[in-house]
PDB file of N, CA and C in Angstrom:
ATOM      1  N   UNK A   1       5.421  92.090 -20.074  1.00  0.00           N
ATOM      2  CA  UNK A   1       6.634  92.250 -20.858  1.00  0.00           C
ATOM      3  C   UNK A   1       7.288  93.141 -19.880  1.00  0.00           C
ATOM      4  N   UNK A   2       8.342  92.237 -19.401  1.00  0.00           N
ATOM      5  CA  UNK A   2       9.045  93.107 -18.288  1.00  0.00           C
ATOM      6  C   UNK A   2      10.353  94.039 -18.706  1.00  0.00           C
ATOM      7  N   UNK A   3      11.003  93.647 -19.902  1.00  0.00           N
ATOM      8  CA  UNK A   3      12.269  94.524 -20.101  1.00  0.00           C
ATOM      9  C   UNK A   3      12.069  94.954 -21.480  1.00  0.00           C
ATOM     10  N   UNK A   4      11.469  96.332 -21.538  1.00  0.00           N
ATOM     11  CA  UNK A   4      11.527  96.846 -22.827  1.00  0.00           C
ATOM     12  C   UNK A   4      12.647  97.538 -23.595  1.00  0.00           C
ATOM     13  N   UNK A   5      13.652  97.541 -22.950  1.00  0.00           N
ATOM     14  CA  UNK A   5      14.950  97.779 -23.250  1.00  0.00           C
ATOM     15  C   UNK A   5      15.604  96.779 -24.475  1.00  0.00           C
ATOM     16  N   UNK A   6      15.913  97.247 -25.648  1.00  0.00           N
ATOM     17  CA  UNK A   6      16.471  96.400 -26.705  1.00  0.00           C
ATOM     18  C   UNK A   6      17.786  96.771 -27.035  1.00  0.00           C
ATOM     19  N   UNK A   7      18.808  95.966 -27.262  1.00  0.00           N
ATOM     20  CA  UNK A   7      20.247  95.741 -27.301  1.00  0.00           C
ATOM     21  C   UNK A   7      20.434  95.869 -28.914  1.00  0.00           C
ATOM     22  N   UNK A   8      21.686  96.131 -29.228  1.00  0.00           N
ATOM     23  CA  UNK A   8      21.907  95.909 -30.788  1.00  0.00           C
ATOM     24  C   UNK A   8      21.838  94.356 -31.255  1.00  0.00           C
ATOM     25  N   UNK A   9      22.067  93.503 -30.452  1.00  0.00           N
ATOM     26  CA  UNK A   9      21.912  92.014 -31.079  1.00  0.00           C
ATOM     27  C   UNK A   9      20.536  91.961 -31.163  1.00  0.00           C
ATOM     28  N   UNK A  10      19.417  92.392 -30.631  1.00  0.00           N
ATOM     29  CA  UNK A  10      17.951  92.040 -30.914  1.00  0.00           C
ATOM     30  C   UNK A  10      17.408  93.396 -31.310  1.00  0.00           C
ATOM     31  N   UNK A  11      17.987  93.991 -32.192  1.00  0.00           N
ATOM     32  CA  UNK A  11      17.389  95.264 -32.990  1.00  0.00           C
ATOM     33  C   UNK A  11      16.669  94.987 -34.136  1.00  0.00           C
ATOM     34  N   UNK A  12      16.873  93.568 -34.625  1.00  0.00           N
ATOM     35  CA  UNK A  12      16.159  93.135 -35.557  1.00  0.00           C
ATOM     36  C   UNK A  12      14.524  92.699 -35.393  1.00  0.00           C
ATOM     37  N   UNK A  13      14.560  92.179 -33.902  1.00  0.00           N
ATOM     38  CA  UNK A  13      13.157  91.935 -33.620  1.00  0.00           C
ATOM     39  C   UNK A  13      12.335  93.345 -32.707  1.00  0.00           C
ATOM     40  N   UNK A  14      13.032  94.331 -32.646  1.00  0.00           N
ATOM     41  CA  UNK A  14      12.331  95.390 -31.978  1.00  0.00           C
ATOM     42  C   UNK A  14      10.869  95.695 -32.533  1.00  0.00           C
ATOM     43  N   UNK A  15      10.817  95.908 -33.829  1.00  0.00           N
ATOM     44  CA  UNK A  15       9.593  96.188 -34.186  1.00  0.00           C
ATOM     45  C   UNK A  15       8.405  95.145 -33.957  1.00  0.00           C
ATOM     46  N   UNK A  16       8.983  93.877 -34.089  1.00  0.00           N
ATOM     47  CA  UNK A  16       7.763  92.937 -33.932  1.00  0.00           C
ATOM     48  C   UNK A  16       7.310  92.915 -32.454  1.00  0.00           C
ATOM     49  N   UNK A  17       8.427  93.302 -31.329  1.00  0.00           N
ATOM     50  CA  UNK A  17       8.117  93.235 -30.065  1.00  0.00           C
ATOM     51  C   UNK A  17       7.487  94.229 -29.755  1.00  0.00           C
ATOM     52  N   UNK A  18       7.440  95.442 -30.502  1.00  0.00           N
ATOM     53  CA  UNK A  18       6.936  96.691 -30.151  1.00  0.00           C
ATOM     54  C   UNK A  18       5.242  96.342 -30.616  1.00  0.00           C
ATOM     55  N   UNK A  19       5.197  95.885 -31.950  1.00  0.00           N
ATOM     56  CA  UNK A  19       3.418  95.655 -32.249  1.00  0.00           C
ATOM     57  C   UNK A  19       2.747  94.736 -31.449  1.00  0.00           C
ATOM     58  N   UNK A  20       3.673  93.737 -30.775  1.00  0.00           N
ATOM     59  CA  UNK A  20       2.853  92.648 -30.173  1.00  0.00           C
ATOM     60  C   UNK A  20       2.711  93.139 -28.690  1.00  0.00           C
ATOM     61  N   UNK A  21       3.309  94.259 -28.239  1.00  0.00           N
ATOM     62  CA  UNK A  21       3.604  94.591 -26.888  1.00  0.00           C
ATOM     63  C   UNK A  21       2.540  95.793 -26.534  1.00  0.00           C
ATOM     64  N   UNK A  22       2.408  96.421 -27.503  1.00  0.00           N
ATOM     65  CA  UNK A  22       1.091  97.691 -28.040  1.00  0.00           C
ATOM     66  C   UNK A  22      -0.190  96.806 -28.336  1.00  0.00           C
ATOM     67  N   UNK A  23      -0.141  95.787 -29.027  1.00  0.00           N
ATOM     68  CA  UNK A  23      -1.476  95.099 -29.046  1.00  0.00           C
ATOM     69  C   UNK A  23      -2.055  94.465 -27.668  1.00  0.00           C
ATOM     70  N   UNK A  24      -1.064  94.136 -27.192  1.00  0.00           N
ATOM     71  CA  UNK A  24      -1.426  93.588 -25.785  1.00  0.00           C
ATOM     72  C   UNK A  24      -1.864  94.699 -24.811  1.00  0.00           C
ATOM     73  N   UNK A  25      -1.315  95.745 -24.756  1.00  0.00           N
ATOM     74  CA  UNK A  25      -1.819  96.879 -23.965  1.00  0.00           C
ATOM     75  C   UNK A  25      -2.830  97.535 -24.124  1.00  0.00           C
ATOM     76  N   UNK A  26      -3.360  97.535 -25.547  1.00  0.00           N
ATOM     77  CA  UNK A  26      -4.500  97.860 -26.337  1.00  0.00           C
ATOM     78  C   UNK A  26      -5.857  97.013 -26.047  1.00  0.00           C
ATOM     79  N   UNK A  27      -5.170  95.557 -25.678  1.00  0.00           N
ATOM     80  CA  UNK A  27      -6.206  94.615 -25.563  1.00  0.00           C
ATOM     81  C   UNK A  27      -6.985  93.921 -26.830  1.00  0.00           C
ATOM     82  N   UNK A  28      -6.065  93.955 -27.587  1.00  0.00           N
ATOM     83  CA  UNK A  28      -6.413  93.413 -29.148  1.00  0.00           C
ATOM     84  C   UNK A  28      -5.988  91.839 -29.072  1.00  0.00           C
ATOM     85  N   UNK A  29      -5.132  91.378 -28.248  1.00  0.00           N
ATOM     86  CA  UNK A  29      -4.739  89.962 -28.052  1.00  0.00           C
ATOM     87  C   UNK A  29      -4.481  89.869 -26.640  1.00  0.00           C
ATOM     88  N   UNK A  30      -4.624  88.641 -26.307  1.00  0.00           N
ATOM     89  CA  UNK A  30      -4.710  88.228 -24.814  1.00  0.00           C
ATOM     90  C   UNK A  30      -3.854  86.915 -24.991  1.00  0.00           C
ATOM     91  N   UNK A  31      -2.398  86.855 -24.768  1.00  0.00           N
ATOM     92  CA  UNK A  31      -1.736  85.609 -24.761  1.00  0.00           C
ATOM     93  C   UNK A  31      -2.385  84.754 -23.659  1.00  0.00           C
ATOM     94  N   UNK A  32      -2.406  83.336 -23.934  1.00  0.00           N
ATOM     95  CA  UNK A  32      -2.964  82.540 -22.955  1.00  0.00           C
ATOM     96  C   UNK A  32      -1.584  81.090 -22.952  1.00  0.00           C
ATOM     97  N   UNK A  33      -1.737  80.394 -21.773  1.00  0.00           N
ATOM     98  CA  UNK A  33      -1.091  79.488 -21.645  1.00  0.00           C
ATOM     99  C   UNK A  33      -1.204  78.100 -22.192  1.00  0.00           C
ATOM    100  N   UNK A  34      -0.188  77.614 -22.996  1.00  0.00           N
ATOM    101  CA  UNK A  34      -0.481  76.404 -23.552  1.00  0.00           C
ATOM    102  C   UNK A  34       0.429  75.384 -22.797  1.00  0.00           C
ATOM    103  N   UNK A  35      -0.128  74.342 -22.170  1.00  0.00           N
ATOM    104  CA  UNK A  35       0.411  73.261 -21.651  1.00  0.00           C
ATOM    105  C   UNK A  35       1.560  72.604 -22.423  1.00  0.00           C
ATOM    106  N   UNK A  36       2.732  72.367 -22.124  1.00  0.00           N
ATOM    107  CA  UNK A  36       3.743  71.905 -22.760  1.00  0.00           C
ATOM    108  C   UNK A  36       3.341  70.210 -23.740  1.00  0.00           C
ATOM    109  N   UNK A  37       2.186  69.796 -23.362  1.00  0.00           N
ATOM    110  CA  UNK A  37       1.908  68.468 -24.229  1.00  0.00           C
ATOM    111  C   UNK A  37       1.065  68.893 -25.418  1.00  0.00           C
ATOM    112  N   UNK A  38       0.651  70.157 -25.330  1.00  0.00           N
ATOM    113  CA  UNK A  38      -0.027  70.605 -26.592  1.00  0.00           C
ATOM    114  C   UNK A  38       0.647  71.721 -27.444  1.00  0.00           C
ATOM    115  N   UNK A  39       1.821  71.861 -27.197  1.00  0.00           N
ATOM    116  CA  UNK A  39       2.706  72.633 -27.733  1.00  0.00           C
ATOM    117  C   UNK A  39       2.803  72.098 -29.509  1.00  0.00           C
ATOM    118  N   UNK A  40       2.279  72.770 -30.332  1.00  0.00           N
ATOM    119  CA  UNK A  40       2.491  72.244 -31.777  1.00  0.00           C
ATOM    120  C   UNK A  40       3.733  72.230 -32.204  1.00  0.00           C
ATOM    121  N   UNK A  41       4.506  73.141 -31.835  1.00  0.00           N
ATOM    122  CA  UNK A  41       5.813  73.742 -32.209  1.00  0.00           C
ATOM    123  C   UNK A  41       6.768  72.479 -31.936  1.00  0.00           C
ATOM    124  N   UNK A  42       6.661  71.742 -30.848  1.00  0.00           N
ATOM    125  CA  UNK A  42       7.256  70.328 -30.717  1.00  0.00           C
ATOM    126  C   UNK A  42       7.390  69.434 -31.804  1.00  0.00           C
ATOM    127  N   UNK A  43       6.493  69.441 -32.627  1.00  0.00           N
ATOM    128  CA  UNK A  43       6.497  68.721 -33.904  1.00  0.00           C
ATOM    129  C   UNK A  43       7.698  68.849 -34.742  1.00  0.00           C
ATOM    130  N   UNK A  44       8.088  70.287 -34.765  1.00  0.00           N
ATOM    131  CA  UNK A  44       9.442  70.629 -35.323  1.00  0.00           C
ATOM    132  C   UNK A  44      10.568  70.709 -34.812  1.00  0.00           C
ATOM    133  N   UNK A  45      10.590  70.741 -33.257  1.00  0.00           N
ATOM    134  CA  UNK A  45      11.754  71.039 -32.506  1.00  0.00           C
ATOM    135  C   UNK A  45      12.150  69.716 -31.532  1.00  0.00           C
ATOM    136  N   UNK A  46      11.578  68.776 -31.541  1.00  0.00           N
ATOM    137  CA  UNK A  46      11.462  67.521 -30.655  1.00  0.00           C
ATOM    138  C   UNK A  46      11.419  66.402 -31.124  1.00  0.00           C
ATOM    139  N   UNK A  47      12.275  65.255 -30.525  1.00  0.00           N
ATOM    140  CA  UNK A  47      11.873  63.886 -30.721  1.00  0.00           C
ATOM    141  C   UNK A  47      10.429  63.260 -29.810  1.00  0.00           C
ATOM    142  N   UNK A  48       9.492  63.064 -30.581  1.00  0.00           N
ATOM    143  CA  UNK A  48       7.908  62.725 -29.955  1.00  0.00           C
ATOM    144  C   UNK A  48       7.894  61.311 -30.112  1.00  0.00           C
ATOM    145  N   UNK A  49       6.833  60.889 -29.187  1.00  0.00           N
ATOM    146  CA  UNK A  49       6.313  59.447 -29.227  1.00  0.00           C
ATOM    147  C   UNK A  49       5.463  59.380 -30.471  1.00  0.00           C
ATOM    148  N   UNK A  50       5.185  58.040 -31.046  1.00  0.00           N
ATOM    149  CA  UNK A  50       4.158  58.192 -32.050  1.00  0.00           C
ATOM    150  C   UNK A  50       2.776  58.687 -31.887  1.00  0.00           C
ATOM    151  N   UNK A  51       2.226  58.364 -30.836  1.00  0.00           N
ATOM    152  CA  UNK A  51       0.982  58.767 -30.459  1.00  0.00           C
ATOM    153  C   UNK A  51       1.144  60.465 -30.337  1.00  0.00           C
ATOM    154  N   UNK A  52       2.180  61.154 -29.618  1.00  0.00           N
ATOM    155  CA  UNK A  52       1.967  62.552 -29.450  1.00  0.00           C
ATOM    156  C   UNK A  52       2.042  62.859 -30.907  1.00  0.00           C
ATOM    157  N   UNK A  53       3.149  62.291 -31.554  1.00  0.00           N
ATOM    158  CA  UNK A  53       3.435  62.527 -32.728  1.00  0.00           C
ATOM    159  C   UNK A  53       2.236  62.702 -34.053  1.00  0.00           C
ATOM    160  N   UNK A  54       1.391  61.655 -34.049  1.00  0.00           N
ATOM    161  CA  UNK A  54       0.336  61.486 -34.687  1.00  0.00           C
ATOM    162  C   UNK A  54      -0.963  62.608 -34.190  1.00  0.00           C
ATOM    163  N   UNK A  55      -0.949  62.668 -32.710  1.00  0.00           N
ATOM    164  CA  UNK A  55      -1.828  63.910 -32.275  1.00  0.00           C
ATOM    165  C   UNK A  55      -1.574  65.167 -33.054  1.00  0.00           C
ATOM    166  N   UNK A  56      -0.431  65.765 -33.063  1.00  0.00           N
ATOM    167  CA  UNK A  56       0.131  66.995 -33.273  1.00  0.00           C
ATOM    168  C   UNK A  56      -0.065  67.179 -34.814  1.00  0.00           C
ATOM    169  N   UNK A  57       0.206  66.182 -35.415  1.00  0.00           N
ATOM    170  CA  UNK A  57      -0.307  66.307 -36.917  1.00  0.00           C
ATOM    171  C   UNK A  57      -1.502  66.150 -37.363  1.00  0.00           C
ATOM    172  N   UNK A  58      -2.343  65.747 -36.634  1.00  0.00           N
ATOM    173  CA  UNK A  58      -3.669  65.907 -36.633  1.00  0.00           C
ATOM    174  C   UNK A  58      -4.131  66.893 -36.406  1.00  0.00           C
ATOM    175  N   UNK A  59      -3.603  67.847 -35.587  1.00  0.00           N
ATOM    176  CA  UNK A  59      -4.036  69.172 -35.452  1.00  0.00           C
ATOM    177  C   UNK A  59      -3.736  70.088 -36.326  1.00  0.00           C
ATOM    178  N   UNK A  60      -2.626  69.722 -37.099  1.00  0.00           N
ATOM    179  CA  UNK A  60      -2.037  70.383 -38.074  1.00  0.00           C
ATOM    180  C   UNK A  60      -2.705  70.259 -39.393  1.00  0.00           C
ATOM    181  N   UNK A  61      -3.568  68.957 -39.521  1.00  0.00           N
ATOM    182  CA  UNK A  61      -4.421  68.677 -40.775  1.00  0.00           C
ATOM    183  C   UNK A  61      -3.401  68.043 -41.397  1.00  0.00           C
ATOM    184  N   UNK A  62      -2.717  67.386 -41.087  1.00  0.00           N
ATOM    185  CA  UNK A  62      -1.464  66.698 -41.924  1.00  0.00           C
ATOM    186  C   UNK A  62      -2.276  65.253 -41.989  1.00  0.00           C
ATOM    187  N   UNK A  63      -1.834  63.958 -43.079  1.00  0.00           N
ATOM    188  CA  UNK A  63      -2.146  63.136 -43.453  1.00  0.00           C
ATOM    189  C   UNK A  63      -1.281  62.018 -42.346  1.00  0.00           C
ATOM    190  N   UNK A  64      -1.822  60.816 -42.228  1.00  0.00           N
ATOM    191  CA  UNK A  64      -1.506  59.932 -41.406  1.00  0.00           C
ATOM    192  C   UNK A  64       0.020  59.420 -41.856  1.00  0.00           C
ATOM    193  N   UNK A  65       0.781  58.719 -40.777  1.00  0.00           N
ATOM    194  CA  UNK A  65       2.369  58.163 -41.441  1.00  0.00           C
ATOM    195  C   UNK A  65       2.015  56.708 -41.649  1.00  0.00           C
ATOM    196  N   UNK A  66       0.927  56.352 -41.153  1.00  0.00           N
ATOM    197  CA  UNK A  66       0.455  54.730 -41.478  1.00  0.00           C
ATOM    198  C   UNK A  66      -0.511  54.620 -42.517  1.00  0.00           C
ATOM    199  N   UNK A  67      -0.134  54.014 -43.714  1.00  0.00           N
ATOM    200  CA  UNK A  67      -0.887  54.073 -45.010  1.00  0.00           C
ATOM    201  C   UNK A  67      -2.081  53.019 -44.574  1.00  0.00           C
ATOM    202  N   UNK A  68      -2.987  53.475 -44.862  1.00  0.00           N
ATOM    203  CA  UNK A  68      -4.296  52.512 -44.808  1.00  0.00           C
ATOM    204  C   UNK A  68      -4.486  51.628 -45.666  1.00  0.00           C
ATOM    205  N   UNK A  69      -5.206  50.219 -45.118  1.00  0.00           N
ATOM    206  CA  UNK A  69      -5.246  49.111 -46.087  1.00  0.00           C
ATOM    207  C   UNK A  69      -5.830  49.235 -47.116  1.00  0.00           C
ATOM    208  N   UNK A  70      -5.642  48.739 -48.244  1.00  0.00           N
ATOM    209  CA  UNK A  70      -6.798  48.936 -49.464  1.00  0.00           C
ATOM    210  C   UNK A  70      -7.039  47.560 -49.585  1.00  0.00           C
ATOM    211  N   UNK A  71      -8.617  47.746 -49.678  1.00  0.00           N
ATOM    212  CA  UNK A  71      -9.434  46.619 -49.731  1.00  0.00           C
ATOM    213  C   UNK A  71      -8.755  45.268 -49.348  1.00  0.00           C
ATOM    214  N   UNK A  72      -8.239  45.205 -48.183  1.00  0.00           N
ATOM    215  CA  UNK A  72      -8.116  44.094 -47.520  1.00  0.00           C
ATOM    216  C   UNK A  72      -6.756  43.457 -47.842  1.00  0.00           C
ATOM    217  N   UNK A  73      -6.043  43.877 -48.904  1.00  0.00           N
ATOM    218  CA  UNK A  73      -4.918  43.226 -49.659  1.00  0.00           C
ATOM    219  C   UNK A  73      -3.753  43.968 -49.316  1.00  0.00           C
ATOM    220  N   UNK A  74      -2.404  43.395 -49.708  1.00  0.00           N
ATOM    221  CA  UNK A  74      -1.230  43.947 -49.197  1.00  0.00           C
ATOM    222  C   UNK A  74      -0.970  44.815 -50.399  1.00  0.00           C
ATOM    223  N   UNK A  75      -0.246  46.067 -50.571  1.00  0.00           N
ATOM    224  CA  UNK A  75       0.088  46.956 -51.354  1.00  0.00           C
ATOM    225  C   UNK A  75       1.602  46.167 -51.954  1.00  0.00           C
ATOM    226  N   UNK A  76       1.650  45.731 -53.307  1.00  0.00           N
ATOM    227  CA  UNK A  76       2.652  45.389 -53.834  1.00  0.00           C
ATOM    228  C   UNK A  76       3.847  46.463 -54.210  1.00  0.00           C
ATOM    229  N   UNK A  77       5.178  46.051 -54.219  1.00  0.00           N
ATOM    230  CA  UNK A  77       6.353  46.906 -54.627  1.00  0.00           C
ATOM    231  C   UNK A  77       6.136  47.939 -53.636  1.00  0.00           C
ATOM    232  N   UNK A  78       6.227  48.301 -52.811  1.00  0.00           N
ATOM    233  CA  UNK A  78       5.982  49.553 -51.875  1.00  0.00           C
ATOM    234  C   UNK A  78       7.359  49.877 -51.911  1.00  0.00           C
ATOM    235  N   UNK A  79       7.537  51.211 -52.156  1.00  0.00           N
ATOM    236  CA  UNK A  79       8.693  52.093 -51.755  1.00  0.00           C
ATOM    237  C   UNK A  79       9.377  51.857 -50.362  1.00  0.00           C
ATOM    238  N   UNK A  80      10.853  51.829 -50.036  1.00  0.00           N
ATOM    239  CA  UNK A  80      11.635  51.578 -48.869  1.00  0.00           C
ATOM    240  C   UNK A  80      11.271  52.772 -48.023  1.00  0.00           C
ATOM    241  N   UNK A  81      10.520  54.011 -48.382  1.00  0.00           N
ATOM    242  CA  UNK A  81      10.690  54.943 -47.749  1.00  0.00           C
ATOM    243  C   UNK A  81       9.356  55.068 -47.161  1.00  0.00           C
ATOM    244  N   UNK A  82       8.025  54.059 -47.367  1.00  0.00           N
ATOM    245  CA  UNK A  82       6.740  54.240 -46.793  1.00  0.00           C
ATOM    246  C   UNK A  82       6.934  53.522 -45.298  1.00  0.00           C
ATOM    247  N   UNK A  83       6.518  53.766 -44.392  1.00  0.00           N
ATOM    248  CA  UNK A  83       6.446  53.444 -43.260  1.00  0.00           C
ATOM    249  C   UNK A  83       5.485  52.519 -42.930  1.00  0.00           C
ATOM    250  N   UNK A  84       5.537  51.463 -42.559  1.00  0.00           N
ATOM    251  CA  UNK A  84       4.200  50.396 -42.359  1.00  0.00           C
ATOM    252  C   UNK A  84       4.186  50.244 -40.894  1.00  0.00           C
ATOM    253  N   UNK A  85       2.954  49.382 -40.845  1.00  0.00           N
ATOM    254  CA  UNK A  85       2.532  49.459 -39.423  1.00  0.00           C
ATOM    255  C   UNK A  85       3.496  48.573 -38.631  1.00  0.00           C
ATOM    256  N   UNK A  86       4.017  47.262 -39.351  1.00  0.00           N
ATOM    257  CA  UNK A  86       4.782  46.234 -38.618  1.00  0.00           C
ATOM    258  C   UNK A  86       6.230  47.022 -38.138  1.00  0.00           C
ATOM    259  N   UNK A  87       6.652  48.121 -38.866  1.00  0.00           N
ATOM    260  CA  UNK A  87       7.802  48.865 -38.200  1.00  0.00           C
ATOM    261  C   UNK A  87       7.445  49.714 -37.348  1.00  0.00           C
ATOM    262  N   UNK A  88       6.274  50.526 -37.083  1.00  0.00           N
ATOM    263  CA  UNK A  88       5.918  51.511 -36.186  1.00  0.00           C
ATOM    264  C   UNK A  88       5.729  50.585 -34.960  1.00  0.00           C
ATOM    265  N   UNK A  89       4.950  49.511 -34.927  1.00  0.00           N
ATOM    266  CA  UNK A  89       4.195  48.662 -34.094  1.00  0.00           C
ATOM    267  C   UNK A  89       3.141  49.311 -33.313  1.00  0.00           C
ATOM    268  N   UNK A  90       2.193  49.846 -34.020  1.00  0.00           N
ATOM    269  CA  UNK A  90       1.006  50.753 -33.221  1.00  0.00           C
ATOM    270  C   UNK A  90      -0.227  49.748 -33.482  1.00  0.00           C
ATOM    271  N   UNK A  91      -1.022  50.125 -32.600  1.00  0.00           N
ATOM    272  CA  UNK A  91      -2.425  49.897 -33.109  1.00  0.00           C
ATOM    273  C   UNK A  91      -3.419  50.658 -33.716  1.00  0.00           C
ATOM    274  N   UNK A  92      -4.208  50.011 -34.076  1.00  0.00           N
ATOM    275  CA  UNK A  92      -5.218  50.887 -35.275  1.00  0.00           C
ATOM    276  C   UNK A  92      -5.530  52.457 -34.634  1.00  0.00           C
ATOM    277  N   UNK A  93      -5.508  52.578 -33.403  1.00  0.00           N
ATOM    278  CA  UNK A  93      -6.424  53.667 -32.951  1.00  0.00           C
ATOM    279  C   UNK A  93      -5.180  54.613 -32.588  1.00  0.00           C
ATOM    280  N   UNK A  94      -3.967  54.032 -32.912  1.00  0.00           N
ATOM    281  CA  UNK A  94      -2.751  55.033 -32.283  1.00  0.00           C
ATOM    282  C   UNK A  94      -2.490  56.122 -32.936  1.00  0.00           C
ATOM    283  N   UNK A  95      -3.009  56.013 -34.333  1.00  0.00           N
ATOM    284  CA  UNK A  95      -3.083  57.224 -35.276  1.00  0.00           C
ATOM    285  C   UNK A  95      -3.705  57.533 -36.030  1.00  0.00           C
ATOM    286  N   UNK A  96      -4.314  58.680 -36.833  1.00  0.00           N
ATOM    287  CA  UNK A  96      -5.449  58.940 -37.096  1.00  0.00           C
ATOM    288  C   UNK A  96      -5.534  58.615 -38.768  1.00  0.00           C
ATOM    289  N   UNK A  97      -6.729  58.708 -39.241  1.00  0.00           N
ATOM    290  CA  UNK A  97      -6.782  58.401 -40.557  1.00  0.00           C
ATOM    291  C   UNK A  97      -7.563  59.210 -41.363  1.00  0.00           C
ATOM    292  N   UNK A  98      -7.049  60.030 -42.265  1.00  0.00           N
ATOM    293  CA  UNK A  98      -7.660  60.813 -43.131  1.00  0.00           C
ATOM    294  C   UNK A  98      -7.907  60.329 -44.399  1.00  0.00           C
ATOM    295  N   UNK A  99      -8.888  60.471 -44.929  1.00  0.00           N
ATOM    296  CA  UNK A  99      -9.215  59.395 -46.200  1.00  0.00           C
ATOM    297  C   UNK A  99     -10.111  60.169 -46.860  1.00  0.00           C
TER     298      UNK A  99
END
């Protein structure tokens, strides 16, 4: 934590930063580097490839974007909001299946 000085514009985060800084100094937390490819926050802030999107969704415990097939037949009267494999052009193993 190089700059412990707070300005009027950042006063609202002062308490949070002091808590984190103190916890670090006391050894309660130990920040570690997370590679860019593994940043889960990217899911909410960037446009991602389908493979990376599915990987991050999986890490958050969310369900698949690609509906799983039902008993080998097609689902009739699908809503236009459902994303199909044909539209995504993905392989079976590109996205995860939670069932």
